Amino acid sequence: MLVGNKCDLESMRAVSVEEGKALSETQGLFFMETSALDSTNVKTAFEMVIRDIYTNISRKQLNLDTYKTQLSSNNRVNLVKDENKGSNQVFGLSCCSSS
């Protein structure tokens, strides 16, 4: 899956929809544009990824044992809410602002 983000910022577009679709076709991927600001296709994108993972595991096309070493605790990101900052703040920037 190839996902173009920030589709709500049309005036700042760097890649056209046609370019995204063309690249996804050459790579054999599904193409979708999303926007976290207005929730365009965000839920759908996650649902598609989860559905594909489930389908591949149930068809035994994806073996979880293959990835166990890659999923060691050294390669994980620990997400912890900092009570001193707003929930949408990361590195001092708002997740949904244009600044």
PDB file of N, CA and C in Angstrom:
ATOM      1  N   MET A   1       0.848  -1.171   0.000  1.00  0.00           N
ATOM      2  CA  MET A   1       0.000   0.000   0.000  1.00  0.00           C
ATOM      3  C   MET A   1       0.893   1.233   0.000  1.00  0.00           C
ATOM      4  N   LEU A   2       0.598   2.153  -0.886  1.00  0.00           N
ATOM      5  CA  LEU A   2       1.282   3.442  -0.941  1.00  0.00           C
ATOM      6  C   LEU A   2       0.279   4.489  -0.491  1.00  0.00           C
ATOM      7  N   VAL A   3       0.629   5.243   0.556  1.00  0.00           N
ATOM      8  CA  VAL A   3      -0.295   6.216   1.125  1.00  0.00           C
ATOM      9  C   VAL A   3       0.292   7.610   0.986  1.00  0.00           C
ATOM     10  N   GLY A   4      -0.459   8.474   0.326  1.00  0.00           N
ATOM     11  CA  GLY A   4      -0.096   9.886   0.269  1.00  0.00           C
ATOM     12  C   GLY A   4      -0.793  10.587   1.418  1.00  0.00           C
ATOM     13  N   ASN A   5      -0.043  11.357   2.196  1.00  0.00           N
ATOM     14  CA  ASN A   5      -0.655  12.006   3.362  1.00  0.00           C
ATOM     15  C   ASN A   5      -0.835  13.505   3.126  1.00  0.00           C
ATOM     16  N   LYS A   6      -1.554  14.119   4.019  1.00  0.00           N
ATOM     17  CA  LYS A   6      -1.847  15.550   3.999  1.00  0.00           C
ATOM     18  C   LYS A   6      -2.581  15.977   2.725  1.00  0.00           C
ATOM     19  N   CYS A   7      -3.525  15.158   2.280  1.00  0.00           N
ATOM     20  CA  CYS A   7      -4.274  15.500   1.064  1.00  0.00           C
ATOM     21  C   CYS A   7      -5.137  16.741   1.254  1.00  0.00           C
ATOM     22  N   ASP A   8      -5.296  17.199   2.496  1.00  0.00           N
ATOM     23  CA  ASP A   8      -6.050  18.423   2.766  1.00  0.00           C
ATOM     24  C   ASP A   8      -5.265  19.676   2.380  1.00  0.00           C
ATOM     25  N   LEU A   9      -3.953  19.547   2.176  1.00  0.00           N
ATOM     26  CA  LEU A   9      -3.111  20.696   1.825  1.00  0.00           C
ATOM     27  C   LEU A   9      -2.865  20.719   0.317  1.00  0.00           C
ATOM     28  N   GLU A  10      -3.933  20.846  -0.448  1.00  0.00           N
ATOM     29  CA  GLU A  10      -3.872  20.786  -1.910  1.00  0.00           C
ATOM     30  C   GLU A  10      -2.909  21.823  -2.489  1.00  0.00           C
ATOM     31  N   SER A  11      -2.867  23.013  -1.919  1.00  0.00           N
ATOM     32  CA  SER A  11      -2.004  24.075  -2.454  1.00  0.00           C
ATOM     33  C   SER A  11      -0.521  23.785  -2.243  1.00  0.00           C
ATOM     34  N   MET A  12      -0.191  22.870  -1.341  1.00  0.00           N
ATOM     35  CA  MET A  12       1.209  22.532  -1.064  1.00  0.00           C
ATOM     36  C   MET A  12       1.588  21.172  -1.647  1.00  0.00           C
ATOM     37  N   ARG A  13       0.755  20.633  -2.501  1.00  0.00           N
ATOM     38  CA  ARG A  13       0.960  19.301  -3.075  1.00  0.00           C
ATOM     39  C   ARG A  13       2.301  19.236  -3.802  1.00  0.00           C
ATOM     40  N   ALA A  14       3.081  18.195  -3.506  1.00  0.00           N
ATOM     41  CA  ALA A  14       4.362  17.952  -4.175  1.00  0.00           C
ATOM     42  C   ALA A  14       4.247  16.835  -5.204  1.00  0.00           C
ATOM     43  N   VAL A  15       3.284  15.938  -5.015  1.00  0.00           N
ATOM     44  CA  VAL A  15       3.089  14.792  -5.907  1.00  0.00           C
ATOM     45  C   VAL A  15       1.618  14.755  -6.311  1.00  0.00           C
ATOM     46  N   SER A  16       1.371  14.691  -7.607  1.00  0.00           N
ATOM     47  CA  SER A  16      -0.018  14.644  -8.073  1.00  0.00           C
ATOM     48  C   SER A  16      -0.624  13.270  -7.793  1.00  0.00           C
ATOM     49  N   VAL A  17      -1.943  13.231  -7.786  1.00  0.00           N
ATOM     50  CA  VAL A  17      -2.643  11.960  -7.599  1.00  0.00           C
ATOM     51  C   VAL A  17      -2.231  10.994  -8.703  1.00  0.00           C
ATOM     52  N   GLU A  18      -2.118  11.507  -9.920  1.00  0.00           N
ATOM     53  CA  GLU A  18      -1.736  10.664 -11.051  1.00  0.00           C
ATOM     54  C   GLU A  18      -0.347  10.060 -10.856  1.00  0.00           C
ATOM     55  N   GLU A  19       0.612  10.868 -10.339  1.00  0.00           N
ATOM     56  CA  GLU A  19       1.963  10.356 -10.076  1.00  0.00           C
ATOM     57  C   GLU A  19       1.937   9.273  -9.000  1.00  0.00           C
ATOM     58  N   GLY A  20       1.154   9.488  -7.965  1.00  0.00           N
ATOM     59  CA  GLY A  20       1.031   8.496  -6.898  1.00  0.00           C
ATOM     60  C   GLY A  20       0.450   7.198  -7.411  1.00  0.00           C
ATOM     61  N   LYS A  21      -0.609   7.310  -8.211  1.00  0.00           N
ATOM     62  CA  LYS A  21      -1.229   6.110  -8.781  1.00  0.00           C
ATOM     63  C   LYS A  21      -0.270   5.390  -9.714  1.00  0.00           C
ATOM     64  N   ALA A  22       0.457   6.149 -10.541  1.00  0.00           N
ATOM     65  CA  ALA A  22       1.396   5.533 -11.482  1.00  0.00           C
ATOM     66  C   ALA A  22       2.499   4.784 -10.740  1.00  0.00           C
ATOM     67  N   LEU A  23       3.053   5.394  -9.696  1.00  0.00           N
ATOM     68  CA  LEU A  23       4.098   4.728  -8.917  1.00  0.00           C
ATOM     69  C   LEU A  23       3.555   3.476  -8.256  1.00  0.00           C
ATOM     70  N   SER A  24       2.373   3.568  -7.685  1.00  0.00           N
ATOM     71  CA  SER A  24       1.806   2.398  -7.008  1.00  0.00           C
ATOM     72  C   SER A  24       1.571   1.256  -7.993  1.00  0.00           C
ATOM     73  N   GLU A  25       1.151   1.583  -9.204  1.00  0.00           N
ATOM     74  CA  GLU A  25       0.933   0.543 -10.213  1.00  0.00           C
ATOM     75  C   GLU A  25       2.241  -0.127 -10.615  1.00  0.00           C
ATOM     76  N   THR A  26       3.324   0.653 -10.758  1.00  0.00           N
ATOM     77  CA  THR A  26       4.610   0.047 -11.135  1.00  0.00           C
ATOM     78  C   THR A  26       5.153  -0.852 -10.037  1.00  0.00           C
ATOM     79  N   GLN A  27       4.779  -0.572  -8.790  1.00  0.00           N
ATOM     80  CA  GLN A  27       5.256  -1.360  -7.655  1.00  0.00           C
ATOM     81  C   GLN A  27       4.256  -2.433  -7.227  1.00  0.00           C
ATOM     82  N   GLY A  28       3.121  -2.493  -7.884  1.00  0.00           N
ATOM     83  CA  GLY A  28       2.094  -3.475  -7.531  1.00  0.00           C
ATOM     84  C   GLY A  28       1.418  -3.175  -6.207  1.00  0.00           C
ATOM     85  N   LEU A  29       1.225  -1.897  -5.913  1.00  0.00           N
ATOM     86  CA  LEU A  29       0.645  -1.479  -4.638  1.00  0.00           C
ATOM     87  C   LEU A  29      -0.696  -0.794  -4.849  1.00  0.00           C
ATOM     88  N   PHE A  30      -1.508  -0.793  -3.802  1.00  0.00           N
ATOM     89  CA  PHE A  30      -2.749  -0.031  -3.789  1.00  0.00           C
ATOM     90  C   PHE A  30      -2.390   1.391  -3.391  1.00  0.00           C
ATOM     91  N   PHE A  31      -3.023   2.405  -3.978  1.00  0.00           N
ATOM     92  CA  PHE A  31      -2.743   3.810  -3.671  1.00  0.00           C
ATOM     93  C   PHE A  31      -3.946   4.461  -3.013  1.00  0.00           C
ATOM     94  N   MET A  32      -3.675   5.253  -1.990  1.00  0.00           N
ATOM     95  CA  MET A  32      -4.724   5.975  -1.278  1.00  0.00           C
ATOM     96  C   MET A  32      -4.130   7.258  -0.712  1.00  0.00           C
ATOM     97  N   GLU A  33      -4.927   8.317  -0.690  1.00  0.00           N
ATOM     98  CA  GLU A  33      -4.498   9.553  -0.047  1.00  0.00           C
ATOM     99  C   GLU A  33      -5.267   9.723   1.260  1.00  0.00           C
ATOM    100  N   THR A  34      -4.590  10.296   2.250  1.00  0.00           N
ATOM    101  CA  THR A  34      -5.190  10.471   3.569  1.00  0.00           C
ATOM    102  C   THR A  34      -4.953  11.883   4.100  1.00  0.00           C
ATOM    103  N   SER A  35      -5.708  12.226   5.113  1.00  0.00           N
ATOM    104  CA  SER A  35      -5.502  13.467   5.851  1.00  0.00           C
ATOM    105  C   SER A  35      -5.861  13.218   7.310  1.00  0.00           C
ATOM    106  N   ALA A  36      -4.906  13.402   8.185  1.00  0.00           N
ATOM    107  CA  ALA A  36      -5.191  13.271   9.614  1.00  0.00           C
ATOM    108  C   ALA A  36      -6.005  14.470  10.102  1.00  0.00           C
ATOM    109  N   LEU A  37      -5.821  15.618   9.458  1.00  0.00           N
ATOM    110  CA  LEU A  37      -6.523  16.828   9.888  1.00  0.00           C
ATOM    111  C   LEU A  37      -8.034  16.680   9.776  1.00  0.00           C
ATOM    112  N   ASP A  38      -8.503  16.176   8.636  1.00  0.00           N
ATOM    113  CA  ASP A  38      -9.952  16.029   8.465  1.00  0.00           C
ATOM    114  C   ASP A  38     -10.400  14.567   8.432  1.00  0.00           C
ATOM    115  N   SER A  39      -9.509  13.670   8.812  1.00  0.00           N
ATOM    116  CA  SER A  39      -9.788  12.228   8.938  1.00  0.00           C
ATOM    117  C   SER A  39     -10.126  11.534   7.618  1.00  0.00           C
ATOM    118  N   THR A  40      -9.711  12.093   6.515  1.00  0.00           N
ATOM    119  CA  THR A  40      -9.973  11.475   5.215  1.00  0.00           C
ATOM    120  C   THR A  40      -9.185  10.180   5.073  1.00  0.00           C
ATOM    121  N   ASN A  41      -9.871   9.071   4.934  1.00  0.00           N
ATOM    122  CA  ASN A  41      -9.302   7.748   4.648  1.00  0.00           C
ATOM    123  C   ASN A  41      -8.338   7.190   5.700  1.00  0.00           C
ATOM    124  N   VAL A  42      -8.178   7.830   6.844  1.00  0.00           N
ATOM    125  CA  VAL A  42      -7.238   7.329   7.857  1.00  0.00           C
ATOM    126  C   VAL A  42      -7.707   5.979   8.392  1.00  0.00           C
ATOM    127  N   LYS A  43      -8.943   5.909   8.814  1.00  0.00           N
ATOM    128  CA  LYS A  43      -9.482   4.652   9.337  1.00  0.00           C
ATOM    129  C   LYS A  43      -9.456   3.573   8.257  1.00  0.00           C
ATOM    130  N   THR A  44      -9.842   3.932   7.051  1.00  0.00           N
ATOM    131  CA  THR A  44      -9.862   2.977   5.941  1.00  0.00           C
ATOM    132  C   THR A  44      -8.473   2.423   5.660  1.00  0.00           C
ATOM    133  N   ALA A  45      -7.456   3.279   5.682  1.00  0.00           N
ATOM    134  CA  ALA A  45      -6.083   2.829   5.422  1.00  0.00           C
ATOM    135  C   ALA A  45      -5.641   1.808   6.466  1.00  0.00           C
ATOM    136  N   PHE A  46      -5.883   2.090   7.741  1.00  0.00           N
ATOM    137  CA  PHE A  46      -5.505   1.144   8.794  1.00  0.00           C
ATOM    138  C   PHE A  46      -6.282  -0.159   8.675  1.00  0.00           C
ATOM    139  N   GLU A  47      -7.565  -0.053   8.380  1.00  0.00           N
ATOM    140  CA  GLU A  47      -8.374  -1.265   8.233  1.00  0.00           C
ATOM    141  C   GLU A  47      -7.872  -2.137   7.083  1.00  0.00           C
ATOM    142  N   MET A  48      -7.463  -1.516   5.987  1.00  0.00           N
ATOM    143  CA  MET A  48      -6.956  -2.281   4.843  1.00  0.00           C
ATOM    144  C   MET A  48      -5.659  -3.000   5.190  1.00  0.00           C
ATOM    145  N   VAL A  49      -4.771  -2.314   5.902  1.00  0.00           N
ATOM    146  CA  VAL A  49      -3.505  -2.938   6.300  1.00  0.00           C
ATOM    147  C   VAL A  49      -3.768  -4.121   7.220  1.00  0.00           C
ATOM    148  N   ILE A  50      -4.615  -3.926   8.222  1.00  0.00           N
ATOM    149  CA  ILE A  50      -4.930  -5.006   9.163  1.00  0.00           C
ATOM    150  C   ILE A  50      -5.591  -6.172   8.440  1.00  0.00           C
ATOM    151  N   ARG A  51      -6.507  -5.879   7.532  1.00  0.00           N
ATOM    152  CA  ARG A  51      -7.185  -6.935   6.775  1.00  0.00           C
ATOM    153  C   ARG A  51      -6.182  -7.730   5.932  1.00  0.00           C
ATOM    154  N   ASP A  52      -5.241  -7.031   5.286  1.00  0.00           N
ATOM    155  CA  ASP A  52      -4.233  -7.719   4.474  1.00  0.00           C
ATOM    156  C   ASP A  52      -3.312  -8.584   5.331  1.00  0.00           C
ATOM    157  N   ILE A  53      -2.911  -8.072   6.493  1.00  0.00           N
ATOM    158  CA  ILE A  53      -2.064  -8.863   7.395  1.00  0.00           C
ATOM    159  C   ILE A  53      -2.815 -10.116   7.832  1.00  0.00           C
ATOM    160  N   TYR A  54      -4.061  -9.949   8.255  1.00  0.00           N
ATOM    161  CA  TYR A  54      -4.867 -11.091   8.688  1.00  0.00           C
ATOM    162  C   TYR A  54      -5.012 -12.114   7.562  1.00  0.00           C
ATOM    163  N   THR A  55      -5.315 -11.648   6.363  1.00  0.00           N
ATOM    164  CA  THR A  55      -5.486 -12.544   5.216  1.00  0.00           C
ATOM    165  C   THR A  55      -4.203 -13.309   4.932  1.00  0.00           C
ATOM    166  N   ASN A  56      -3.072 -12.607   4.943  1.00  0.00           N
ATOM    167  CA  ASN A  56      -1.792 -13.271   4.666  1.00  0.00           C
ATOM    168  C   ASN A  56      -1.418 -14.279   5.741  1.00  0.00           C
ATOM    169  N   ILE A  57      -1.698 -13.966   6.995  1.00  0.00           N
ATOM    170  CA  ILE A  57      -1.404 -14.912   8.079  1.00  0.00           C
ATOM    171  C   ILE A  57      -2.312 -16.127   7.962  1.00  0.00           C
ATOM    172  N   SER A  58      -3.601 -15.907   7.713  1.00  0.00           N
ATOM    173  CA  SER A  58      -4.518 -17.046   7.640  1.00  0.00           C
ATOM    174  C   SER A  58      -4.256 -17.914   6.413  1.00  0.00           C
ATOM    175  N   ARG A  59      -3.698 -17.350   5.374  1.00  0.00           N
ATOM    176  CA  ARG A  59      -3.322 -18.146   4.196  1.00  0.00           C
ATOM    177  C   ARG A  59      -1.905 -18.710   4.331  1.00  0.00           C
ATOM    178  N   LYS A  60      -1.302 -18.426   5.474  1.00  0.00           N
ATOM    179  CA  LYS A  60       0.065 -18.862   5.778  1.00  0.00           C
ATOM    180  C   LYS A  60       1.075 -18.298   4.773  1.00  0.00           C
ATOM    181  N   GLN A  61       0.772 -17.113   4.232  1.00  0.00           N
ATOM    182  CA  GLN A  61       1.693 -16.418   3.346  1.00  0.00           C
ATOM    183  C   GLN A  61       2.643 -15.529   4.140  1.00  0.00           C
ATOM    184  N   LEU A  62       2.341 -15.342   5.405  1.00  0.00           N
ATOM    185  CA  LEU A  62       3.156 -14.517   6.280  1.00  0.00           C
ATOM    186  C   LEU A  62       3.419 -15.316   7.540  1.00  0.00           C
ATOM    187  N   ASN A  63       4.667 -15.620   7.808  1.00  0.00           N
ATOM    188  CA  ASN A  63       5.048 -16.428   8.957  1.00  0.00           C
ATOM    189  C   ASN A  63       5.574 -15.504  10.046  1.00  0.00           C
ATOM    190  N   LEU A  64       4.862 -15.407  11.149  1.00  0.00           N
ATOM    191  CA  LEU A  64       5.270 -14.514  12.231  1.00  0.00           C
ATOM    192  C   LEU A  64       6.608 -14.896  12.834  1.00  0.00           C
ATOM    193  N   ASP A  65       6.974 -16.173  12.820  1.00  0.00           N
ATOM    194  CA  ASP A  65       8.258 -16.589  13.379  1.00  0.00           C
ATOM    195  C   ASP A  65       9.423 -15.928  12.652  1.00  0.00           C
ATOM    196  N   THR A  66       9.240 -15.613  11.394  1.00  0.00           N
ATOM    197  CA  THR A  66      10.282 -14.966  10.602  1.00  0.00           C
ATOM    198  C   THR A  66      10.651 -13.607  11.178  1.00  0.00           C
ATOM    199  N   TYR A  67       9.690 -12.927  11.788  1.00  0.00           N
ATOM    200  CA  TYR A  67       9.893 -11.563  12.253  1.00  0.00           C
ATOM    201  C   TYR A  67      10.194 -11.444  13.741  1.00  0.00           C
ATOM    202  N   LYS A  68      10.248 -12.547  14.466  1.00  0.00           N
ATOM    203  CA  LYS A  68      10.443 -12.475  15.918  1.00  0.00           C
ATOM    204  C   LYS A  68      11.737 -11.768  16.297  1.00  0.00           C
ATOM    205  N   THR A  69      12.839 -12.036  15.595  1.00  0.00           N
ATOM    206  CA  THR A  69      14.098 -11.369  15.938  1.00  0.00           C
ATOM    207  C   THR A  69      14.025  -9.881  15.629  1.00  0.00           C
ATOM    208  N   GLN A  70      13.287  -9.507  14.593  1.00  0.00           N
ATOM    209  CA  GLN A  70      13.150  -8.098  14.249  1.00  0.00           C
ATOM    210  C   GLN A  70      12.256  -7.365  15.239  1.00  0.00           C
ATOM    211  N   LEU A  71      11.431  -8.093  15.969  1.00  0.00           N
ATOM    212  CA  LEU A  71      10.519  -7.494  16.931  1.00  0.00           C
ATOM    213  C   LEU A  71      11.057  -7.528  18.358  1.00  0.00           C
ATOM    214  N   SER A  72      12.361  -7.684  18.499  1.00  0.00           N
ATOM    215  CA  SER A  72      12.945  -7.708  19.840  1.00  0.00           C
ATOM    216  C   SER A  72      12.735  -6.355  20.512  1.00  0.00           C
ATOM    217  N   SER A  73      12.914  -6.308  21.810  1.00  0.00           N
ATOM    218  CA  SER A  73      12.660  -5.076  22.556  1.00  0.00           C
ATOM    219  C   SER A  73      13.582  -3.944  22.127  1.00  0.00           C
ATOM    220  N   ASN A  74      14.727  -4.251  21.528  1.00  0.00           N
ATOM    221  CA  ASN A  74      15.643  -3.204  21.077  1.00  0.00           C
ATOM    222  C   ASN A  74      15.092  -2.432  19.882  1.00  0.00           C
ATOM    223  N   ASN A  75      14.164  -3.020  19.148  1.00  0.00           N
ATOM    224  CA  ASN A  75      13.637  -2.395  17.937  1.00  0.00           C
ATOM    225  C   ASN A  75      12.252  -1.799  18.126  1.00  0.00           C
ATOM    226  N   ARG A  76      11.788  -1.691  19.331  1.00  0.00           N
ATOM    227  CA  ARG A  76      10.444  -1.185  19.585  1.00  0.00           C
ATOM    228  C   ARG A  76      10.489   0.276  19.999  1.00  0.00           C
ATOM    229  N   VAL A  77       9.412   0.958  19.733  1.00  0.00           N
ATOM    230  CA  VAL A  77       9.248   2.339  20.171  1.00  0.00           C
ATOM    231  C   VAL A  77       8.221   2.333  21.289  1.00  0.00           C
ATOM    232  N   ASN A  78       8.583   2.880  22.426  1.00  0.00           N
ATOM    233  CA  ASN A  78       7.687   2.922  23.566  1.00  0.00           C
ATOM    234  C   ASN A  78       6.898   4.224  23.521  1.00  0.00           C
ATOM    235  N   LEU A  79       5.600   4.128  23.338  1.00  0.00           N
ATOM    236  CA  LEU A  79       4.744   5.307  23.276  1.00  0.00           C
ATOM    237  C   LEU A  79       4.158   5.570  24.650  1.00  0.00           C
ATOM    238  N   VAL A  80       4.549   6.685  25.238  1.00  0.00           N
ATOM    239  CA  VAL A  80       4.086   7.053  26.566  1.00  0.00           C
ATOM    240  C   VAL A  80       3.578   8.483  26.503  1.00  0.00           C
ATOM    241  N   LYS A  81       2.398   8.696  27.026  1.00  0.00           N
ATOM    242  CA  LYS A  81       1.826  10.034  27.042  1.00  0.00           C
ATOM    243  C   LYS A  81       2.541  10.868  28.086  1.00  0.00           C
ATOM    244  N   ASP A  82       3.046  12.025  27.666  1.00  0.00           N
ATOM    245  CA  ASP A  82       3.690  12.963  28.575  1.00  0.00           C
ATOM    246  C   ASP A  82       2.595  13.847  29.161  1.00  0.00           C
ATOM    247  N   GLU A  83       2.339  13.709  30.443  1.00  0.00           N
ATOM    248  CA  GLU A  83       1.252  14.439  31.091  1.00  0.00           C
ATOM    249  C   GLU A  83       1.483  15.948  31.076  1.00  0.00           C
ATOM    250  N   ASN A  84       2.729  16.393  30.842  1.00  0.00           N
ATOM    251  CA  ASN A  84       3.037  17.820  30.844  1.00  0.00           C
ATOM    252  C   ASN A  84       2.728  18.490  29.514  1.00  0.00           C
ATOM    253  N   LYS A  85       2.452  17.698  28.470  1.00  0.00           N
ATOM    254  CA  LYS A  85       2.185  18.257  27.147  1.00  0.00           C
ATOM    255  C   LYS A  85       0.802  17.836  26.699  1.00  0.00           C
ATOM    256  N   GLY A  86       0.284  18.532  25.711  1.00  0.00           N
ATOM    257  CA  GLY A  86      -0.999  18.160  25.122  1.00  0.00           C
ATOM    258  C   GLY A  86      -0.863  16.828  24.415  1.00  0.00           C
ATOM    259  N   SER A  87      -1.957  16.124  24.264  1.00  0.00           N
ATOM    260  CA  SER A  87      -1.914  14.789  23.672  1.00  0.00           C
ATOM    261  C   SER A  87      -1.527  14.811  22.210  1.00  0.00           C
ATOM    262  N   ASN A  88      -1.650  15.960  21.523  1.00  0.00           N
ATOM    263  CA  ASN A  88      -1.279  16.005  20.121  1.00  0.00           C
ATOM    264  C   ASN A  88       0.071  16.682  19.901  1.00  0.00           C
ATOM    265  N   GLN A  89       0.872  16.779  20.935  1.00  0.00           N
ATOM    266  CA  GLN A  89       2.170  17.420  20.832  1.00  0.00           C
ATOM    267  C   GLN A  89       3.286  16.392  20.731  1.00  0.00           C
ATOM    268  N   VAL A  90       4.115  16.529  19.725  1.00  0.00           N
ATOM    269  CA  VAL A  90       5.290  15.685  19.565  1.00  0.00           C
ATOM    270  C   VAL A  90       6.450  16.599  19.218  1.00  0.00           C
ATOM    271  N   PHE A  91       7.525  16.546  19.964  1.00  0.00           N
ATOM    272  CA  PHE A  91       8.700  17.380  19.740  1.00  0.00           C
ATOM    273  C   PHE A  91       8.331  18.860  19.649  1.00  0.00           C
ATOM    274  N   GLY A  92       7.333  19.274  20.421  1.00  0.00           N
ATOM    275  CA  GLY A  92       6.941  20.670  20.460  1.00  0.00           C
ATOM    276  C   GLY A  92       6.061  21.119  19.313  1.00  0.00           C
ATOM    277  N   LEU A  93       5.687  20.221  18.407  1.00  0.00           N
ATOM    278  CA  LEU A  93       4.851  20.579  17.268  1.00  0.00           C
ATOM    279  C   LEU A  93       3.494  19.918  17.393  1.00  0.00           C
ATOM    280  N   SER A  94       2.486  20.616  16.990  1.00  0.00           N
ATOM    281  CA  SER A  94       1.152  20.024  16.962  1.00  0.00           C
ATOM    282  C   SER A  94       1.057  19.100  15.766  1.00  0.00           C
ATOM    283  N   CYS A  95       0.427  17.956  15.934  1.00  0.00           N
ATOM    284  CA  CYS A  95       0.350  16.987  14.846  1.00  0.00           C
ATOM    285  C   CYS A  95      -0.520  17.464  13.699  1.00  0.00           C
ATOM    286  N   CYS A  96      -1.382  18.392  13.937  1.00  0.00           N
ATOM    287  CA  CYS A  96      -2.335  18.786  12.894  1.00  0.00           C
ATOM    288  C   CYS A  96      -2.251  20.269  12.574  1.00  0.00           C
ATOM    289  N   SER A  97      -1.099  20.867  12.728  1.00  0.00           N
ATOM    290  CA  SER A  97      -0.957  22.280  12.389  1.00  0.00           C
ATOM    291  C   SER A  97      -0.132  22.411  11.125  1.00  0.00           C
ATOM    292  N   SER A  98      -0.198  23.554  10.504  1.00  0.00           N
ATOM    293  CA  SER A  98       0.563  23.772   9.275  1.00  0.00           C
ATOM    294  C   SER A  98       1.896  24.437   9.549  1.00  0.00           C
ATOM    295  N   SER A  99       2.260  24.635  10.805  1.00  0.00           N
ATOM    296  CA  SER A  99       3.534  25.279  11.127  1.00  0.00           C
ATOM    297  C   SER A  99       4.655  24.295  11.270  1.00  0.00           C
TER     298      SER A  99
END
